[in-house]
N, C-alpha and C. Protein backbone atom coordinates (compact mmCIF):
# COMPACT_ATOMS: atom_id res chain seq x y z
N MET A 1 -13.44 1.45 -5.69
CA MET A 1 -12.61 0.30 -6.60
C MET A 1 -12.54 1.26 -8.14
N ARG A 2 -11.10 1.02 -8.86
CA ARG A 2 -11.04 1.38 -10.09
C ARG A 2 -10.25 1.03 -10.70
N THR A 3 -9.81 0.17 -11.99
CA THR A 3 -9.45 -0.12 -12.48
C THR A 3 -8.36 0.26 -13.70
N TYR A 4 -6.78 0.41 -12.82
CA TYR A 4 -6.05 1.06 -13.88
C TYR A 4 -4.96 0.12 -14.72
N GLN A 5 -4.75 1.21 -15.44
CA GLN A 5 -3.66 0.68 -16.20
C GLN A 5 -2.15 0.96 -15.80
N GLY A 6 -1.07 -0.18 -16.01
CA GLY A 6 -0.27 -0.06 -15.55
C GLY A 6 1.14 -0.83 -16.77
N SER A 7 2.37 -0.08 -16.34
CA SER A 7 2.88 -0.55 -17.14
C SER A 7 4.84 -0.40 -16.53
N CYS A 8 5.90 -1.09 -17.00
CA CYS A 8 6.84 -0.56 -16.55
C CYS A 8 7.52 0.57 -17.16
N HIS A 9 9.13 1.47 -17.72
CA HIS A 9 8.99 2.46 -18.09
C HIS A 9 9.37 2.21 -19.79
N CYS A 10 9.60 0.95 -20.29
CA CYS A 10 9.85 0.64 -21.76
C CYS A 10 8.77 0.51 -22.57
N GLY A 11 7.47 0.25 -21.53
CA GLY A 11 6.32 -0.59 -22.21
C GLY A 11 6.13 -2.01 -22.36
N ALA A 12 7.18 -2.67 -22.26
CA ALA A 12 6.94 -4.49 -22.38
C ALA A 12 6.50 -4.87 -21.65
N VAL A 13 5.94 -4.30 -20.37
CA VAL A 13 4.93 -5.00 -19.74
C VAL A 13 4.17 -4.24 -19.01
N ARG A 14 3.23 -4.64 -19.31
CA ARG A 14 1.63 -3.93 -19.38
C ARG A 14 0.84 -4.82 -18.63
N PHE A 15 0.52 -4.31 -17.51
CA PHE A 15 -0.75 -4.87 -16.76
C PHE A 15 -2.15 -4.21 -16.16
N GLU A 16 -3.08 -4.58 -15.82
CA GLU A 16 -4.49 -3.76 -15.04
C GLU A 16 -4.61 -4.36 -14.05
N ALA A 17 -4.94 -3.65 -13.04
CA ALA A 17 -5.26 -3.39 -12.04
C ALA A 17 -6.60 -2.87 -11.31
N ASP A 18 -7.24 -4.11 -10.47
CA ASP A 18 -8.62 -3.12 -9.55
C ASP A 18 -8.04 -2.96 -8.45
N ILE A 19 -8.00 -1.74 -8.03
CA ILE A 19 -7.06 -1.10 -6.56
C ILE A 19 -8.52 -0.29 -6.42
N ASP A 20 -8.22 0.12 -4.81
CA ASP A 20 -8.96 1.09 -4.49
C ASP A 20 -7.88 1.57 -3.51
N LEU A 21 -7.40 2.74 -3.78
CA LEU A 21 -5.74 3.22 -3.31
C LEU A 21 -6.74 3.80 -1.77
N ALA A 22 -7.67 4.45 -1.61
CA ALA A 22 -8.71 4.90 -0.67
C ALA A 22 -7.90 3.43 0.72
N GLN A 23 -8.14 2.43 0.56
CA GLN A 23 -8.07 1.88 1.67
C GLN A 23 -6.22 1.34 1.98
N GLY A 24 -5.49 1.86 0.95
CA GLY A 24 -4.23 1.89 1.46
C GLY A 24 -3.45 1.21 0.55
N THR A 25 -1.61 1.60 0.78
CA THR A 25 -0.84 1.37 -0.03
C THR A 25 -0.14 1.21 1.30
N VAL A 26 1.34 0.46 0.97
CA VAL A 26 2.38 -0.10 1.93
C VAL A 26 3.74 0.01 1.85
N ARG A 27 4.70 0.70 2.87
CA ARG A 27 6.22 1.08 2.84
C ARG A 27 6.38 0.04 3.88
N CYS A 28 7.64 -0.43 3.29
CA CYS A 28 8.54 -1.44 4.01
C CYS A 28 10.28 -1.09 4.25
N ASN A 29 10.19 -1.43 5.57
CA ASN A 29 11.99 -1.34 5.69
C ASN A 29 12.64 -2.67 5.60
N CYS A 30 12.31 -3.76 4.70
CA CYS A 30 13.17 -4.84 4.79
C CYS A 30 13.83 -4.14 3.55
N SER A 31 15.09 -5.78 3.68
CA SER A 31 16.31 -5.20 3.13
C SER A 31 16.00 -5.34 1.52
N ILE A 32 15.14 -5.46 0.69
CA ILE A 32 14.74 -5.25 -0.92
C ILE A 32 13.72 -3.93 -0.77
N CYS A 33 13.02 -3.56 0.07
CA CYS A 33 12.05 -2.61 -0.25
C CYS A 33 13.07 -1.26 0.10
N MET A 34 14.03 -1.72 0.62
CA MET A 34 14.74 -0.43 1.20
C MET A 34 15.77 -0.19 0.03
N LYS A 35 15.89 -0.77 -0.48
CA LYS A 35 16.78 -0.52 -1.81
C LYS A 35 16.44 -0.03 -3.16
N TYR A 36 15.09 -0.51 -3.39
CA TYR A 36 14.15 0.33 -4.62
C TYR A 36 13.01 1.06 -4.01
N ARG A 37 12.71 1.16 -2.47
CA ARG A 37 11.81 2.44 -2.11
C ARG A 37 10.63 1.82 -2.78
N CYS A 38 10.13 0.55 -2.19
CA CYS A 38 9.44 0.22 -2.83
C CYS A 38 7.54 0.60 -2.38
N TRP A 39 6.86 0.95 -3.13
CA TRP A 39 5.68 1.62 -2.74
C TRP A 39 4.60 0.58 -3.25
N PRO A 40 4.00 -0.56 -2.48
CA PRO A 40 3.14 -0.88 -3.66
C PRO A 40 1.53 -0.93 -2.95
N ALA A 41 0.13 -1.05 -3.81
CA ALA A 41 -0.99 -1.17 -3.59
C ALA A 41 -0.83 -2.84 -3.49
N ILE A 42 -1.41 -3.79 -2.57
CA ILE A 42 -1.86 -4.91 -2.06
C ILE A 42 -3.17 -5.41 -2.54
N VAL A 43 -3.20 -6.27 -3.91
CA VAL A 43 -4.59 -6.89 -4.39
C VAL A 43 -4.36 -8.21 -4.54
N LYS A 44 -6.18 -8.89 -4.52
CA LYS A 44 -6.01 -10.07 -4.54
C LYS A 44 -5.74 -10.55 -6.18
N PRO A 45 -5.66 -11.84 -6.03
CA PRO A 45 -4.86 -12.18 -7.62
C PRO A 45 -6.05 -12.11 -8.62
N GLU A 46 -6.89 -12.30 -8.47
CA GLU A 46 -8.18 -12.23 -9.01
C GLU A 46 -8.47 -10.58 -9.67
N SER A 47 -8.07 -9.84 -8.78
CA SER A 47 -7.55 -8.34 -9.07
C SER A 47 -6.93 -7.77 -9.93
N PHE A 48 -6.19 -8.74 -10.46
CA PHE A 48 -4.47 -8.12 -11.30
C PHE A 48 -4.80 -9.35 -12.55
N ARG A 49 -4.47 -8.73 -13.89
CA ARG A 49 -3.97 -9.20 -14.99
C ARG A 49 -2.90 -8.44 -15.98
N LEU A 50 -2.44 -9.42 -16.14
CA LEU A 50 -0.77 -9.10 -16.52
C LEU A 50 -1.45 -9.15 -18.14
N LEU A 51 -1.29 -8.27 -18.81
CA LEU A 51 -1.68 -7.71 -20.37
C LEU A 51 -1.02 -8.18 -21.58
N SER A 52 0.53 -7.87 -21.22
CA SER A 52 1.77 -8.11 -22.30
C SER A 52 3.17 -8.35 -21.31
N GLY A 53 3.83 -8.78 -21.56
CA GLY A 53 5.30 -9.01 -21.29
C GLY A 53 5.79 -9.93 -19.82
N ASP A 54 4.80 -11.03 -20.15
CA ASP A 54 5.74 -12.04 -19.11
C ASP A 54 7.03 -12.64 -19.22
N ALA A 55 7.26 -12.67 -21.02
CA ALA A 55 8.69 -13.14 -21.50
C ALA A 55 9.42 -12.16 -21.22
N ASP A 56 9.20 -11.15 -20.71
CA ASP A 56 10.21 -9.84 -20.41
C ASP A 56 10.42 -9.39 -18.96
N LEU A 57 10.04 -10.31 -18.43
CA LEU A 57 9.83 -9.89 -17.15
C LEU A 57 11.06 -10.94 -16.07
N THR A 58 11.75 -10.53 -15.58
CA THR A 58 12.84 -11.39 -14.76
C THR A 58 12.62 -11.34 -13.30
N ARG A 59 12.60 -13.10 -12.66
CA ARG A 59 12.06 -13.17 -11.18
C ARG A 59 13.56 -13.37 -10.35
N TYR A 60 13.04 -12.52 -9.14
CA TYR A 60 13.86 -12.67 -8.42
C TYR A 60 13.36 -13.02 -6.72
N GLN A 61 13.88 -14.09 -6.34
CA GLN A 61 13.68 -14.42 -4.95
C GLN A 61 14.82 -14.93 -4.31
N PHE A 62 14.58 -14.23 -2.63
CA PHE A 62 15.61 -14.60 -2.00
C PHE A 62 15.09 -15.15 -0.28
N ASN A 63 16.15 -15.44 0.36
CA ASN A 63 15.50 -15.55 1.88
C ASN A 63 14.26 -16.79 1.49
N THR A 64 13.44 -16.60 2.37
CA THR A 64 12.19 -17.95 2.50
C THR A 64 11.52 -18.16 0.83
N ARG A 65 12.12 -17.09 -0.20
CA ARG A 65 11.62 -17.64 -1.49
C ARG A 65 9.85 -17.49 -1.58
N THR A 66 9.32 -16.82 -0.83
CA THR A 66 7.90 -17.06 -0.47
C THR A 66 7.52 -15.56 -1.57
N ASP A 67 8.28 -14.79 -1.84
CA ASP A 67 7.67 -13.85 -2.61
C ASP A 67 8.63 -13.51 -3.94
N THR A 68 7.87 -12.98 -4.59
CA THR A 68 8.38 -13.08 -5.87
C THR A 68 8.73 -11.84 -6.76
N HIS A 69 10.03 -11.40 -6.83
CA HIS A 69 10.31 -9.60 -6.94
C HIS A 69 10.33 -9.76 -8.51
N LEU A 70 9.69 -9.37 -9.34
CA LEU A 70 9.79 -9.05 -10.75
C LEU A 70 10.02 -7.71 -11.66
N PHE A 71 11.03 -7.96 -12.50
CA PHE A 71 11.70 -6.60 -12.98
C PHE A 71 11.90 -6.74 -14.55
N CYS A 72 11.25 -5.53 -15.09
CA CYS A 72 11.45 -5.63 -16.77
C CYS A 72 13.05 -5.95 -16.97
N ARG A 73 13.65 -7.26 -18.16
CA ARG A 73 14.97 -7.20 -18.10
C ARG A 73 15.38 -6.12 -19.16
N HIS A 74 14.42 -5.39 -19.85
CA HIS A 74 15.14 -4.18 -20.83
C HIS A 74 15.18 -2.89 -20.12
N CYS A 75 14.63 -2.26 -19.30
CA CYS A 75 14.54 -1.05 -18.74
C CYS A 75 14.56 -0.92 -16.75
N GLY A 76 14.66 -2.22 -16.19
CA GLY A 76 14.73 -2.28 -15.12
C GLY A 76 13.90 -2.19 -14.02
N VAL A 77 12.57 -1.90 -14.61
CA VAL A 77 11.28 -1.15 -13.58
C VAL A 77 10.99 -2.27 -13.18
N ARG A 78 10.22 -2.20 -12.11
CA ARG A 78 9.63 -3.19 -10.90
C ARG A 78 8.24 -3.05 -10.75
N PRO A 79 7.27 -3.32 -12.12
CA PRO A 79 6.16 -2.77 -11.70
C PRO A 79 5.11 -3.50 -10.52
N PHE A 80 5.42 -5.02 -10.60
CA PHE A 80 4.77 -5.54 -10.00
C PHE A 80 5.40 -7.13 -9.10
N GLY A 81 4.78 -7.56 -7.94
CA GLY A 81 5.49 -8.85 -7.61
C GLY A 81 4.60 -9.43 -6.66
N THR A 82 4.62 -10.93 -6.65
CA THR A 82 3.76 -11.70 -6.05
C THR A 82 3.93 -11.92 -4.76
N GLY A 83 3.60 -12.57 -3.93
CA GLY A 83 3.84 -13.02 -2.53
C GLY A 83 2.77 -13.97 -1.94
N ASN A 84 2.51 -14.09 -0.88
CA ASN A 84 1.69 -14.73 -0.09
C ASN A 84 2.09 -14.50 1.62
N SER A 85 1.52 -14.24 2.18
CA SER A 85 1.54 -13.81 3.70
C SER A 85 0.38 -14.12 4.49
N PRO A 86 0.58 -14.56 5.66
CA PRO A 86 -0.58 -14.23 6.76
C PRO A 86 -1.62 -13.43 7.10
N ARG A 87 -1.26 -12.23 6.31
CA ARG A 87 -2.07 -10.89 6.44
C ARG A 87 -3.06 -11.07 5.23
N TRP A 88 -2.31 -11.40 4.05
CA TRP A 88 -3.34 -10.78 2.58
C TRP A 88 -3.53 -12.85 1.98
N GLY A 89 -2.62 -13.55 2.26
CA GLY A 89 -2.79 -14.44 1.34
C GLY A 89 -2.00 -14.59 0.34
N ASP A 90 -2.64 -14.96 -0.73
CA ASP A 90 -1.79 -14.56 -1.99
C ASP A 90 -2.16 -13.45 -2.23
N PHE A 91 -0.54 -12.54 -3.43
CA PHE A 91 -1.52 -11.37 -3.47
C PHE A 91 -0.50 -10.79 -4.42
N TYR A 92 -1.11 -9.85 -5.04
CA TYR A 92 0.47 -9.22 -6.10
C TYR A 92 0.22 -7.55 -5.40
N ALA A 93 1.63 -7.03 -5.59
CA ALA A 93 1.80 -5.98 -4.82
C ALA A 93 2.47 -5.09 -6.26
N VAL A 94 1.20 -4.29 -6.39
CA VAL A 94 1.27 -3.31 -7.43
C VAL A 94 2.22 -1.92 -7.26
N THR A 95 3.28 -1.84 -7.77
CA THR A 95 3.53 -0.78 -7.67
C THR A 95 2.99 0.38 -7.96
N VAL A 96 2.71 1.44 -6.86
CA VAL A 96 1.76 2.55 -7.20
C VAL A 96 2.27 3.34 -8.10
N THR A 97 3.44 3.53 -8.52
CA THR A 97 3.82 4.85 -9.49
C THR A 97 4.37 4.14 -10.65
N CYS A 98 3.41 2.62 -10.95
CA CYS A 98 3.99 2.24 -12.37
C CYS A 98 2.23 2.12 -12.83
N LEU A 99 1.41 2.85 -12.31
CA LEU A 99 -0.19 3.15 -12.78
C LEU A 99 0.27 4.42 -13.95
N ASP A 100 -0.30 4.06 -14.90
CA ASP A 100 0.05 4.98 -16.18
C ASP A 100 -1.43 5.98 -15.90
N ASP A 101 -2.41 5.52 -15.43
CA ASP A 101 -3.46 6.63 -14.98
C ASP A 101 -3.94 7.15 -13.79
N VAL A 102 -2.91 7.07 -12.81
CA VAL A 102 -3.05 7.34 -11.71
C VAL A 102 -3.19 9.02 -11.44
N ALA A 103 -3.67 9.56 -10.83
CA ALA A 103 -3.61 11.43 -10.86
C ALA A 103 -2.98 10.95 -9.61
N ILE A 104 -2.09 12.37 -9.42
CA ILE A 104 -1.19 12.64 -8.24
C ILE A 104 -2.12 12.81 -7.12
N ASP A 105 -2.69 13.54 -7.27
CA ASP A 105 -3.63 13.57 -5.63
C ASP A 105 -4.01 12.20 -5.34
N GLU A 106 -4.43 11.31 -5.63
CA GLU A 106 -4.90 9.65 -5.83
C GLU A 106 -3.83 9.03 -4.82
N LEU A 107 -2.36 9.63 -5.45
CA LEU A 107 -1.33 8.67 -4.66
C LEU A 107 -1.33 9.70 -3.43
N VAL A 108 -1.12 11.03 -3.80
CA VAL A 108 -0.95 12.06 -2.02
C VAL A 108 -1.70 11.69 -1.27
N ASN A 109 -3.26 11.02 -1.63
CA ASN A 109 -4.44 10.90 -0.49
C ASN A 109 -4.15 9.38 -0.21
N ALA A 110 -3.37 8.30 -0.89
CA ALA A 110 -3.60 7.29 -0.46
C ALA A 110 -2.87 6.87 0.83
N PRO A 111 -3.65 6.14 1.78
CA PRO A 111 -2.86 5.87 3.21
C PRO A 111 -1.58 4.87 2.86
N ILE A 112 -0.80 5.14 3.83
CA ILE A 112 0.45 4.18 3.68
C ILE A 112 0.46 3.74 5.06
N THR A 113 0.62 2.37 4.87
CA THR A 113 0.83 1.48 5.93
C THR A 113 2.17 0.67 6.14
N TYR A 114 3.18 1.33 7.40
CA TYR A 114 4.09 1.03 7.33
C TYR A 114 4.62 -0.11 7.90
N LEU A 115 5.40 -0.98 7.46
CA LEU A 115 5.57 -2.32 7.82
C LEU A 115 7.20 -2.50 8.40
N ASP A 116 7.78 -3.39 9.29
CA ASP A 116 8.92 -3.73 9.85
C ASP A 116 9.41 -4.96 10.04
N GLY A 117 9.56 -4.94 8.07
CA GLY A 117 10.08 -6.33 7.51
C GLY A 117 11.56 -6.43 8.06
N ARG A 118 12.11 -5.34 8.27
CA ARG A 118 13.64 -5.84 8.43
C ARG A 118 14.30 -6.55 9.98
N ASN A 119 12.85 -6.32 10.86
CA ASN A 119 12.74 -6.91 12.21
C ASN A 119 11.74 -8.17 12.16
N ASP A 120 11.31 -8.45 10.98
CA ASP A 120 10.53 -9.83 10.54
C ASP A 120 9.32 -9.16 11.61
N ASN A 121 8.89 -7.74 12.03
CA ASN A 121 7.31 -7.83 12.58
C ASN A 121 6.75 -7.07 11.89
N TRP A 122 6.11 -7.85 10.94
CA TRP A 122 4.93 -7.62 9.53
C TRP A 122 3.77 -6.77 10.43
N HIS A 123 3.60 -6.71 11.31
CA HIS A 123 2.18 -6.52 11.74
C HIS A 123 2.53 -5.29 12.74
N ALA A 124 3.39 -4.38 12.57
CA ALA A 124 4.03 -3.01 13.39
C ALA A 124 4.81 -2.18 12.24
N ALA A 125 4.85 -0.99 12.73
CA ALA A 125 5.67 -0.42 12.06
C ALA A 125 7.21 -0.02 12.73
N PRO A 126 7.87 0.17 11.60
CA PRO A 126 8.97 0.67 12.29
C PRO A 126 9.07 2.11 13.36
N ALA A 127 10.36 1.98 13.81
CA ALA A 127 10.32 3.15 14.81
C ALA A 127 10.04 4.70 13.98
N GLU A 128 11.52 4.39 12.61
CA GLU A 128 11.47 5.75 11.82
C GLU A 128 10.95 5.30 10.82
N THR A 129 10.19 6.25 9.85
CA THR A 129 9.91 5.63 8.85
C THR A 129 9.41 7.30 7.66
N ARG A 130 10.19 8.18 8.38
CA ARG A 130 10.26 9.26 6.89
C ARG A 130 11.11 8.91 6.07
N HIS A 131 12.24 8.21 6.12
CA HIS A 131 13.12 7.65 5.08
C HIS A 131 12.77 6.76 3.93
N LEU A 132 11.22 6.23 4.35
CA LEU A 132 10.75 5.32 3.53
C LEU A 132 9.83 5.78 2.62
């Protein structure tokens, strides 16, 4: 477990999160994850702290409106989102490529769990993952 510092591209949104990248990350084939190639680490709410930029975040919800997709209104980067699922309960989905102090080796070695969100089969990997 390590505390990472993260931000959007312009720096208006800054956060820190306690993440164990060795526990894995997620890639999904649902409609929104496919559009912006989402690659998050899932963390509990107590492991995430927004340091600045709440007023700079724009919120987007669709379908069941269970998850909140957040992006910086200035630069458009999506540093994290929030949600609730049977698998994780309440969670933050921290975009690992928005971690400012993560080493490339940490990203390369972080396990990835693939989710078949396109078919609402959240506990199985899709048949094809190379594009994710």
